[in-house]
C-alpha atoms as a PDB file:
ATOM      1  CA  MET A   1      17.576  11.396   0.901  1.00  0.00           C
ATOM      2  CA  THR A   2      17.805  15.107   1.045  1.00  0.00           C
ATOM      3  CA  LEU A   3      15.846  16.959   3.676  1.00  0.00           C
ATOM      4  CA  VAL A   4      13.249  18.198   1.177  1.00  0.00           C
ATOM      5  CA  TYR A   5      12.503  14.669  -0.037  1.00  0.00           C
ATOM      6  CA  GLN A   6      12.323  13.386   3.531  1.00  0.00           C
ATOM      7  CA  ILE A   7       9.829  16.066   4.539  1.00  0.00           C
ATOM      8  CA  ALA A   8       7.736  15.406   1.425  1.00  0.00           C
ATOM      9  CA  VAL A   9       7.676  11.629   2.047  1.00  0.00           C
ATOM     10  CA  ILE A  10       6.733  12.129   5.722  1.00  0.00           C
ATOM     11  CA  PHE A  11       3.905  14.466   4.686  1.00  0.00           C
ATOM     12  CA  LEU A  12       2.649  11.932   2.137  1.00  0.00           C
ATOM     13  CA  LEU A  13       2.788   9.120   4.701  1.00  0.00           C
ATOM     14  CA  LEU A  14       0.719  11.263   7.085  1.00  0.00           C
ATOM     15  CA  ASN A  15      -1.803  11.682   4.260  1.00  0.00           C
ATOM     16  CA  ILE A  16      -2.008   7.910   3.936  1.00  0.00           C
ATOM     17  CA  GLY A  17      -2.638   7.686   7.692  1.00  0.00           C
ATOM     18  CA  ALA A  18      -5.452  10.217   7.416  1.00  0.00           C
ATOM     19  CA  GLY A  19      -6.922   8.248   4.539  1.00  0.00           C
ATOM     20  CA  LEU A  20      -6.791   5.053   6.577  1.00  0.00           C
ATOM     21  CA  ILE A  21      -8.733   6.761   9.355  1.00  0.00           C
ATOM     22  CA  ARG A  22     -11.312   7.920   6.794  1.00  0.00           C
ATOM     23  CA  ILE A  23     -11.688   4.369   5.462  1.00  0.00           C
ATOM     24  CA  LEU A  24     -12.244   2.979   8.934  1.00  0.00           C
ATOM     25  CA  ARG A  25     -14.659   5.682  10.108  1.00  0.00           C
ATOM     26  CA  GLY A  26     -16.617   6.250   6.906  1.00  0.00           C
ATOM     27  CA  PRO A  27     -19.411   7.351   7.225  1.00  0.00           C
ATOM     28  CA  THR A  28     -20.387   6.960   3.553  1.00  0.00           C
ATOM     29  CA  PRO A  29     -19.066   4.720   0.790  1.00  0.00           C
ATOM     30  CA  ALA A  30     -18.093   7.861  -1.146  1.00  0.00           C
ATOM     31  CA  ASP A  31     -15.712   8.835   1.672  1.00  0.00           C
ATOM     32  CA  ARG A  32     -14.147   5.403   1.533  1.00  0.00           C
ATOM     33  CA  LEU A  33     -13.811   5.555  -2.243  1.00  0.00           C
ATOM     34  CA  LEU A  34     -12.028   8.895  -2.100  1.00  0.00           C
ATOM     35  CA  ALA A  35      -9.661   7.549   0.557  1.00  0.00           C
ATOM     36  CA  VAL A  36      -8.779   4.609  -1.682  1.00  0.00           C
ATOM     37  CA  GLN A  37      -8.110   7.050  -4.517  1.00  0.00           C
ATOM     38  CA  LEU A  38      -5.891   9.007  -2.119  1.00  0.00           C
ATOM     39  CA  PHE A  39      -3.852   5.843  -1.499  1.00  0.00           C
ATOM     40  CA  GLY A  40      -3.217   5.399  -5.205  1.00  0.00           C
ATOM     41  CA  THR A  41      -2.240   9.012  -5.768  1.00  0.00           C
ATOM     42  CA  THR A  42      -0.056   9.230  -2.675  1.00  0.00           C
ATOM     43  CA  GLY A  43       1.652   5.921  -3.415  1.00  0.00           C
ATOM     44  CA  THR A  44       2.438   7.200  -6.895  1.00  0.00           C
ATOM     45  CA  ALA A  45       3.887  10.424  -5.494  1.00  0.00           C
ATOM     46  CA  ILE A  46       6.063   8.538  -2.998  1.00  0.00           C
ATOM     47  CA  LEU A  47       7.411   6.304  -5.758  1.00  0.00           C
ATOM     48  CA  ILE A  48       8.177   9.330  -7.939  1.00  0.00           C
ATOM     49  CA  LEU A  49      10.120  10.908  -5.062  1.00  0.00           C
ATOM     50  CA  LEU A  50      12.024   7.656  -4.538  1.00  0.00           C
ATOM     51  CA  SER A  51      12.743   7.523  -8.251  1.00  0.00           C
ATOM     52  CA  MET A  52      14.183  11.028  -8.213  1.00  0.00           C
ATOM     53  CA  GLU A  53      16.308  10.342  -5.132  1.00  0.00           C
ATOM     54  CA  ALA A  54      17.633   6.950  -6.245  1.00  0.00           C
ATOM     55  CA  ASP A  55      17.878   7.939  -9.936  1.00  0.00           C
ATOM     56  CA  ASN A  56      16.159   4.672 -10.828  1.00  0.00           C
ATOM     57  CA  ASP A  57      13.666   4.462 -13.685  1.00  0.00           C
ATOM     58  CA  ALA A  58      12.130   1.243 -12.345  1.00  0.00           C
ATOM     59  CA  TYR A  59      10.384   3.243  -9.610  1.00  0.00           C
ATOM     60  CA  LYS A  60       8.886   5.509 -12.266  1.00  0.00           C
ATOM     61  CA  ASN A  61       7.516   2.496 -14.126  1.00  0.00           C
ATOM     62  CA  VAL A  62       5.933   1.103 -10.955  1.00  0.00           C
ATOM     63  CA  ALA A  63       4.494   4.555 -10.166  1.00  0.00           C
ATOM     64  CA  LEU A  64       2.950   4.681 -13.634  1.00  0.00           C
ATOM     65  CA  ALA A  65       1.387   1.249 -13.105  1.00  0.00           C
ATOM     66  CA  PHE A  66       0.021   2.346  -9.696  1.00  0.00           C
ATOM     67  CA  ALA A  67      -1.510   5.470 -11.230  1.00  0.00           C
ATOM     68  CA  LEU A  68      -3.149   3.427 -13.980  1.00  0.00           C
ATOM     69  CA  LEU A  69      -4.496   0.816 -11.571  1.00  0.00           C
ATOM     70  CA  SER A  70      -5.750   3.498  -9.196  1.00  0.00           C
ATOM     71  CA  GLY A  71      -7.774   5.108 -11.967  1.00  0.00           C
ATOM     72  CA  ILE A  72      -9.226   1.790 -13.080  1.00  0.00           C
ATOM     73  CA  LEU A  73     -10.052   0.891  -9.483  1.00  0.00           C
ATOM     74  CA  GLY A  74     -11.881   4.191  -8.990  1.00  0.00           C
ATOM     75  CA  VAL A  75     -13.973   3.604 -12.098  1.00  0.00           C
ATOM     76  CA  ALA A  76     -14.743   0.041 -11.004  1.00  0.00           C
ATOM     77  CA  PHE A  77     -15.820   1.175  -7.534  1.00  0.00           C
ATOM     78  CA  ALA A  78     -17.978   3.954  -8.962  1.00  0.00           C
ATOM     79  CA  ARG A  79     -19.578   1.582 -11.454  1.00  0.00           C
ATOM     80  CA  TYR A  80     -20.252  -1.025  -8.774  1.00  0.00           C
ATOM     81  CA  GLY A  81     -21.838   1.568  -6.519  1.00  0.00           C
ATOM     82  CA  GLN A  82     -24.194   2.733  -9.279  1.00  0.00           C
ATOM     83  CA  ALA A  83     -25.278  -0.704 -10.483  1.00  0.00           C
ATOM     84  CA  PRO A  84     -29.008  -1.207 -10.256  1.00  0.00           C
ATOM     85  CA  ARG A  85     -29.975  -3.467  -7.431  1.00  0.00           C
ATOM     86  CA  PRO A  86     -32.519  -6.184  -8.120  1.00  0.00           C
ATOM     87  CA  THR A  87     -35.810  -5.573  -6.415  1.00  0.00           C
ATOM     88  CA  SER A  88     -38.203  -8.288  -5.518  1.00  0.00           C
ATOM     89  CA  THR A  89     -41.874  -7.615  -5.932  1.00  0.00           C
ATOM     90  CA  PRO A  90     -44.426  -9.742  -4.161  1.00  0.00           C
ATOM     91  CA  ALA A  91     -46.483 -11.969  -6.439  1.00  0.00           C
ATOM     92  CA  LYS A  92     -50.091 -10.894  -6.809  1.00  0.00           C
ATOM     93  CA  GLU A  93     -52.690 -13.411  -5.848  1.00  0.00           C
ATOM     94  CA  GLY A  94     -55.901 -14.019  -7.607  1.00  0.00           C
END
């Protein structure tokens, strides 16, 4: 890999490390969701860089699949977080 690609990949891997810390520490589910989205985006970027360096279109196809799955996962997490929660009401006597 050329020096530019190596520096870019190292920077992206550091971003993944920062996202992992954010997932572990939280404090809110929104922080964790954004960190998961960061994983998808960063993984896609790393695969694109590998594709350019290796001149291999298979990496581009996998990167496209990762980007698509990352978007779907974000929508699923957001939808799950906004689902109404069942509430139980005490039965009235008498």
